[in-house]
Amino acid sequence: MTSETLAYATLGGLAIALLISIYTDIRYRLILNKVTIAIALGAPIFWLASGGFNLTDIGLHLLTAAITFFVFVFAIAFHLGAIGIGAARAFGRIPK
């Protein structure tokens, strides 16, 4: 199997998994863990087969994920009242 064939095969599999996720989400308001795990394991295979898998891209994706995670954690904490503007100022303070 050539790299191009593998790329198209995994892309087709990922598309089918995405359609299954869309259907189950709309119909049952549930996204199956089996499908999510299959997508998470199939995506790197597609990246490797299509030539889009290098350390710079991996680092950029991980950095984006970390920033997004922390922004949402602080936004949810602020919304729930667990953190206020005083605490947010304290995070930016430099000790004397």
Foldseek 3Di string as FASTA:
>chain_A
DALVVQLVVLVVVLVVLVVVQVVCCVPVVDGDPVSVVSNVVSVVSNCVSVVNDDPVVVVVVVVVVVVVVVVVVVVVCVVVVVDDPVVVVVVVDDDD
